[in-house]
Protein backbone atom coordinates (compact mmCIF):
# COMPACT_ATOMS: atom_id res chain seq x y z
CA UNK A 1 2.55 -10.95 -2.16
CA UNK A 2 4.30 -7.60 -2.47
CA UNK A 3 3.37 -4.78 -0.15
CA UNK A 4 3.40 -1.17 -1.37
CA UNK A 5 6.81 0.42 -1.04
CA UNK A 6 7.00 3.06 1.67
CA UNK A 7 7.54 6.51 0.25
CA UNK A 8 7.80 10.13 1.35
CA UNK A 9 4.16 10.91 0.59
CA UNK A 10 1.21 8.58 0.95
CA UNK A 11 0.03 7.27 -2.40
CA UNK A 12 -3.60 6.06 -2.47
CA UNK A 13 -2.50 2.41 -2.52
CA UNK A 14 -0.11 2.92 0.41
CA UNK A 15 -2.86 4.78 2.30
CA UNK A 16 -5.37 2.02 1.56
CA UNK A 17 -2.91 -0.64 2.74
CA UNK A 18 -2.49 1.31 6.00
CA UNK A 19 -6.26 1.54 6.57
CA UNK A 20 -6.82 -2.14 5.79
CA UNK A 21 -3.98 -3.13 8.09
CA UNK A 22 -5.37 -1.03 10.93
CA UNK A 23 -9.06 -1.87 10.78
CA UNK A 24 -9.67 -5.25 9.10
CA UNK A 25 -8.68 -8.63 10.47
CA UNK A 26 -10.56 -11.32 8.57
CA UNK A 27 -10.49 -12.91 5.13
CA UNK A 28 -14.26 -13.48 5.45
CA UNK A 29 -15.13 -9.78 5.35
CA UNK A 30 -16.67 -8.79 2.00
CA UNK A 31 -15.50 -5.26 1.25
CA UNK A 32 -17.45 -3.58 -1.57
CA UNK A 33 -15.48 -1.32 -3.87
CA UNK A 34 -17.99 1.49 -3.29
CA UNK A 35 -17.22 1.35 0.43
CA UNK A 36 -13.50 1.67 -0.29
CA UNK A 37 -14.18 4.67 -2.52
CA UNK A 38 -16.23 6.31 0.24
CA UNK A 39 -13.51 5.66 2.81
CA UNK A 40 -10.68 7.02 0.67
CA UNK A 41 -12.77 10.07 -0.22
CA UNK A 42 -12.40 11.03 3.45
CA UNK A 43 -8.66 11.37 2.75
CA UNK A 44 -9.15 13.46 -0.40
CA UNK A 45 -8.63 10.54 -2.81
CA UNK A 46 -10.68 10.65 -6.01
CA UNK A 47 -12.81 7.75 -7.20
CA UNK A 48 -10.49 6.98 -10.11
CA UNK A 49 -7.45 6.94 -7.81
CA UNK A 50 -9.29 4.73 -5.31
CA UNK A 51 -10.14 2.22 -8.03
CA UNK A 52 -6.55 2.28 -9.23
CA UNK A 53 -5.36 1.63 -5.66
CA UNK A 54 -7.67 -1.38 -5.39
CA UNK A 55 -6.39 -2.75 -8.67
CA UNK A 56 -2.78 -2.39 -7.57
CA UNK A 57 -3.36 -4.10 -4.23
CA UNK A 58 -4.99 -7.00 -6.08
CA UNK A 59 -1.92 -7.31 -8.30
CA UNK A 60 0.30 -7.25 -5.21
CA UNK A 61 -1.69 -10.03 -3.55
CA UNK A 62 -2.91 -8.02 -0.55
CA UNK A 63 -6.57 -8.30 -1.55
CA UNK A 64 -8.58 -10.45 -3.94
CA UNK A 65 -12.00 -10.19 -5.61
CA UNK A 66 -15.01 -12.37 -4.83
CA UNK A 67 -15.92 -14.22 -8.00
CA UNK A 68 -19.08 -13.14 -9.82
CA UNK A 69 -19.90 -10.13 -7.65
CA UNK A 70 -21.01 -6.85 -9.20
CA UNK A 71 -20.13 -4.21 -8.26
CA UNK A 72 -16.78 -5.72 -7.27
CA UNK A 73 -16.34 -7.06 -3.74
CA UNK A 74 -12.90 -7.58 -2.23
CA UNK A 75 -11.46 -9.52 0.68
CA UNK A 76 -8.10 -9.68 2.40
CA UNK A 77 -5.95 -12.66 1.50
CA UNK A 78 -4.63 -15.00 4.23
CA UNK A 79 -1.12 -13.86 3.35
CA UNK A 80 -2.16 -10.25 3.85
CA UNK A 81 -3.70 -11.02 7.25
CA UNK A 82 -0.51 -12.73 8.39
CA UNK A 83 1.59 -9.84 7.12
CA UNK A 84 -0.68 -7.24 8.74
CA UNK A 85 -0.37 -9.01 12.08
CA UNK A 86 3.40 -9.11 11.86
CA UNK A 87 3.68 -5.52 10.69
CA UNK A 88 1.22 -4.10 13.22
CA UNK A 89 3.09 -5.88 15.98
CA UNK A 90 6.33 -4.41 14.63
CA UNK A 91 4.95 -0.87 14.43
CA UNK A 92 3.27 -0.87 17.84
CA UNK A 93 6.14 -2.48 19.74
CA UNK A 94 9.00 -0.72 17.95
CA UNK A 95 11.20 1.15 20.40
CA UNK A 96 9.44 -0.27 23.47
CA UNK A 97 12.63 -1.77 24.83
CA UNK A 98 16.32 -1.39 23.97
CA UNK A 99 17.63 -4.15 21.72
CA UNK A 100 19.27 -7.16 23.31
CA UNK A 101 22.85 -6.35 22.41
CA UNK A 102 25.53 -9.01 21.97
CA UNK A 103 28.05 -6.95 20.01
CA UNK A 104 27.46 -9.04 16.87
CA UNK A 105 27.26 -7.57 13.38
CA UNK A 106 26.67 -9.10 9.95
CA UNK A 107 29.09 -7.80 7.33
CA UNK A 108 28.52 -8.21 3.59
CA UNK A 109 31.30 -7.35 1.17
CA UNK A 110 31.29 -7.64 -2.60
CA UNK A 111 33.46 -6.97 -5.62
CA UNK A 112 31.81 -6.36 -8.99
CA UNK A 113 33.62 -5.59 -12.27
CA UNK A 114 33.24 -2.04 -13.56
CA UNK A 115 30.95 -3.34 -16.30
CA UNK A 116 28.44 -4.48 -13.66
CA UNK A 117 27.15 -1.05 -12.64
CA UNK A 118 23.50 -2.17 -12.78
CA UNK A 119 24.28 -5.18 -10.58
CA UNK A 120 26.09 -2.93 -8.09
CA UNK A 121 23.02 -0.68 -7.80
CA UNK A 122 20.76 -3.73 -7.42
CA UNK A 123 22.92 -5.13 -4.60
CA UNK A 124 22.92 -1.82 -2.75
CA UNK A 125 19.14 -1.52 -3.05
CA UNK A 126 18.65 -5.08 -1.84
CA UNK A 127 20.98 -4.70 1.13
CA UNK A 128 19.36 -1.39 2.02
CA UNK A 129 15.97 -3.11 2.04
CA UNK A 130 17.44 -5.57 4.56
CA UNK A 131 18.46 -2.59 6.74
CA UNK A 132 22.13 -2.88 5.94
CA UNK A 133 24.12 0.35 5.77
CA UNK A 134 27.24 1.08 3.75
CA UNK A 135 30.28 1.28 6.00
CA UNK A 136 32.41 1.65 2.87
CA UNK A 137 31.50 1.49 -0.82
CA UNK A 138 31.39 -2.30 -1.01
CA UNK A 139 31.26 -3.16 2.71
CA UNK A 140 27.81 -3.14 4.27
CA UNK A 141 26.82 -3.94 7.85
CA UNK A 142 23.80 -4.43 10.06
CA UNK A 143 23.51 -5.22 13.77
CA UNK A 144 22.62 -8.76 14.79
CA UNK A 145 23.66 -12.24 13.73
CA UNK A 146 21.19 -13.33 11.03
CA UNK A 147 23.29 -13.57 7.89
CA UNK A 148 20.94 -15.74 5.81
CA UNK A 149 19.02 -12.88 4.09
CA UNK A 150 22.24 -11.20 2.94
CA UNK A 151 23.65 -14.47 1.64
CA UNK A 152 20.43 -15.05 -0.26
CA UNK A 153 20.28 -11.71 -2.05
CA UNK A 154 23.99 -11.70 -2.94
CA UNK A 155 23.72 -15.19 -4.37
CA UNK A 156 20.59 -14.28 -6.30
CA UNK A 157 21.97 -11.04 -7.74
CA UNK A 158 25.61 -11.91 -8.34
CA UNK A 159 25.88 -15.63 -9.06
CA UNK A 160 25.47 -14.97 -12.80
CA UNK A 161 27.66 -11.84 -12.93
CA UNK A 162 31.01 -12.78 -14.42
CA UNK A 163 33.92 -11.83 -12.16
CA UNK A 164 31.73 -10.93 -9.16
CA UNK A 165 32.77 -12.06 -5.69
CA UNK A 166 31.10 -11.69 -2.33
CA UNK A 167 31.41 -12.70 1.31
CA UNK A 168 29.09 -12.58 4.31
CA UNK A 169 30.67 -12.66 7.76
CA UNK A 170 29.87 -12.37 11.44
CA UNK A 171 32.09 -9.68 12.95
CA UNK A 172 32.76 -7.68 16.11
CA UNK A 173 34.36 -4.26 16.12
CA UNK A 174 37.35 -3.58 18.36
CA UNK A 175 36.21 0.05 18.63
CA UNK A 176 32.43 0.22 18.35
CA UNK A 177 32.08 3.84 19.38
CA UNK A 178 33.75 6.82 17.77
CA UNK A 179 34.01 8.28 14.26
CA UNK A 180 35.50 5.12 12.74
CA UNK A 181 33.09 2.66 14.35
CA UNK A 182 30.02 1.03 12.80
CA UNK A 183 27.71 3.87 13.78
CA UNK A 184 29.49 6.01 11.18
CA UNK A 185 27.67 3.99 8.50
CA UNK A 186 24.35 5.49 9.57
CA UNK A 187 22.94 8.97 9.13
CA UNK A 188 21.97 9.26 12.78
CA UNK A 189 21.80 13.06 12.59
CA UNK A 190 19.27 12.79 9.77
CA UNK A 191 17.27 10.19 11.67
CA UNK A 192 17.23 12.35 14.81
CA UNK A 193 16.00 15.26 12.69
CA UNK A 194 13.22 13.08 11.27
CA UNK A 195 12.12 12.13 14.79
CA UNK A 196 12.18 15.79 15.85
CA UNK A 197 10.08 16.72 12.81
CA UNK A 198 7.57 14.01 13.71
CA UNK A 199 7.31 15.32 17.28
CA UNK A 200 6.84 18.90 16.08
CA UNK A 201 4.31 17.95 13.40
CA UNK A 202 2.04 16.06 15.80
CA UNK A 203 2.48 18.26 18.88
CA UNK A 204 -0.71 20.29 18.14
CA UNK A 205 -2.71 17.10 17.64
CA UNK A 206 -1.34 15.68 20.88
CA UNK A 207 -2.55 18.81 22.70
CA UNK A 208 -5.97 18.54 21.03
CA UNK A 209 -6.20 14.90 22.12
CA UNK A 210 -5.49 15.88 25.71
CA UNK A 211 -8.08 18.66 25.48
CA UNK A 212 -10.62 16.20 24.06
CA UNK A 213 -11.32 18.45 21.07
CA UNK A 214 -10.78 15.93 18.26
CA UNK A 215 -13.96 14.79 16.51
CA UNK A 216 -14.52 11.44 14.80
CA UNK A 217 -13.93 12.73 11.26
CA UNK A 218 -10.62 14.31 12.20
CA UNK A 219 -9.70 11.28 14.32
CA UNK A 220 -9.72 8.83 11.40
CA UNK A 221 -7.53 10.95 9.15
CA UNK A 222 -5.22 12.07 11.96
CA UNK A 223 -4.74 8.59 13.43
CA UNK A 224 -4.03 7.12 10.01
CA UNK A 225 -1.59 9.92 9.24
CA UNK A 226 0.24 9.36 12.53
CA UNK A 227 0.53 5.62 11.89
CA UNK A 228 1.62 6.18 8.29
CA UNK A 229 4.36 8.53 9.50
CA UNK A 230 5.45 6.40 12.46
CA UNK A 231 5.58 3.10 10.58
CA UNK A 232 8.47 4.35 8.44
CA UNK A 233 10.72 4.63 11.48
CA UNK A 234 10.38 0.89 12.10
CA UNK A 235 11.86 0.36 8.64
CA UNK A 236 14.63 2.98 8.62
CA UNK A 237 15.81 3.06 12.25
CA UNK A 238 18.61 0.46 12.67
CA UNK A 239 17.72 0.17 16.38
CA UNK A 240 21.31 0.54 17.54
CA UNK A 241 22.23 0.09 21.21
CA UNK A 242 22.22 3.20 23.36
CA UNK A 243 26.01 3.51 23.56
CA UNK A 244 26.17 4.09 19.77
CA UNK A 245 23.46 6.77 19.69
CA UNK A 246 23.88 10.54 20.08
CA UNK A 247 22.41 12.06 23.23
CA UNK A 248 19.75 13.14 23.68
CA UNK A 249 18.05 10.64 21.34
CA UNK A 250 14.47 11.72 20.44
CA UNK A 251 12.92 8.34 19.64
CA UNK A 252 11.27 7.87 23.03
CA UNK A 253 9.47 11.22 22.83
CA UNK A 254 8.40 10.48 19.24
CA UNK A 255 7.10 7.07 20.31
CA UNK A 256 5.19 8.53 23.25
CA UNK A 257 3.65 11.13 20.92
CA UNK A 258 2.55 8.45 18.49
CA UNK A 259 1.15 6.07 21.11
CA UNK A 260 -0.83 8.78 22.90
CA UNK A 261 -2.47 9.85 19.63
CA UNK A 262 -2.97 6.33 18.32
CA UNK A 263 -4.53 5.03 21.53
CA UNK A 264 -6.73 8.03 22.32
CA UNK A 265 -8.20 8.30 18.82
CA UNK A 266 -8.76 4.59 18.19
CA UNK A 267 -12.43 4.29 19.09
CA UNK A 268 -13.34 7.56 17.37
CA UNK A 269 -11.53 6.55 14.18
CA UNK A 270 -13.20 3.14 14.21
CA UNK A 271 -16.63 4.75 14.63
CA UNK A 272 -15.99 7.14 11.76
CA UNK A 273 -14.87 4.31 9.49
CA UNK A 274 -18.06 2.38 10.27
CA UNK A 275 -20.10 5.52 9.58
CA UNK A 276 -18.45 6.01 6.17
CA UNK A 277 -18.69 2.38 5.10
CA UNK A 278 -22.14 1.35 6.36
CA UNK A 279 -24.24 3.06 3.64
CA UNK A 280 -22.36 0.94 1.08
CA UNK A 281 -21.54 -2.02 3.32
CA UNK A 282 -24.33 -2.82 5.82
CA UNK A 283 -22.16 -5.37 7.67
CA UNK A 284 -19.32 -2.89 8.23
CA UNK A 285 -19.77 -2.68 12.00
CA UNK A 286 -19.44 -6.46 12.29
CA UNK A 287 -16.05 -6.55 10.57
CA UNK A 288 -14.23 -3.29 11.22
CA UNK A 289 -11.88 -3.96 14.11
CA UNK A 290 -9.31 -1.94 15.98
CA UNK A 291 -5.60 -2.56 16.48
CA UNK A 292 -4.01 -0.78 19.39
CA UNK A 293 -1.06 -0.94 21.72
CA UNK A 294 -1.19 -2.52 25.16
CA UNK A 295 0.82 -1.84 28.30
CA UNK A 296 1.11 -5.56 28.99
CA UNK A 297 4.39 -6.86 27.60
CA UNK A 298 3.65 -10.37 28.83
CA UNK A 299 0.63 -11.01 26.62
CA UNK A 300 1.08 -9.55 23.13
CA UNK A 301 -1.48 -10.38 20.49
CA UNK A 302 -4.51 -10.92 22.75
CA UNK A 303 -8.04 -10.01 21.66
CA UNK A 304 -11.04 -8.89 23.62
CA UNK A 305 -14.73 -8.32 23.01
CA UNK A 306 -17.20 -9.31 20.29
CA UNK A 307 -16.24 -9.20 16.61
CA UNK A 308 -18.10 -5.93 16.17
CA UNK A 309 -15.91 -4.19 18.69
CA UNK A 310 -12.91 -6.41 19.11
CA UNK A 311 -9.49 -4.94 19.64
CA UNK A 312 -6.14 -6.56 19.09
CA UNK A 313 -3.50 -5.27 21.45
CA UNK A 314 0.27 -5.50 21.26
CA UNK A 315 2.67 -4.64 24.02
CA UNK A 316 3.71 -1.01 24.06
CA UNK A 317 5.39 -0.34 27.37
CA UNK A 318 8.96 0.86 27.26
């Protein structure tokens, strides 16, 4: 199973993956293609683009078709459900608490002959996907102590490249802070700017939420947009300890903005989704669920209520 790659703008397949991850939680739910088309139309997606998005998610293993059903009927795969649970937990709990910091870093270094330019690019892409950052051209680091993923990708990509060498090590820096420390590998100024942009972009919506002036139609699109924007931070923010971050650091305010919008608009967005889907999917209200954050850090992943209105909550307090 391959999930859609996060990108600057929301492609129809990335948008559809976000909606499915937010509002469906069962492999038993039969989702007609016409219902998907109606839902994505709410976001300005054409019918042809919606059908293309469905086809691509089938190829990626996120959804599958029910055999012999016309028009086509889709369902989430067990692998997709498991991934959605893990990802929703990651998105809704990200930034809730500072990381447990031990001072450990994983360092990956490699040497590739000049003829292996394509392999060099592939290694950098793979390490970047693992949230490594380039401290120097061929020295990449990430906080923590789990070195297995880096060893795996380097072995996979370089074991057949003649003359290539690589090492993966656990390291500690004598001088963590300062211009020559590990934080220099990260574009923290750019990340802070991205957080500030997020806060500014959703400030009017946050005010409208507090004024109770957001209707159901706007709630679905706005809540999905906020999640789609916020979820990227969980992938690009290295979650460094406070002593390596510039001050003030805007992540807390961005997180509070997201959670206020996401929580307040949940029921409205769910109701609008049911309204859009029901004409094409009579059982929609029985299957469309709601994922939201909880203030209880001690009991993540609990559910409450009947299937028609159940909500899965993950700890959000920070």
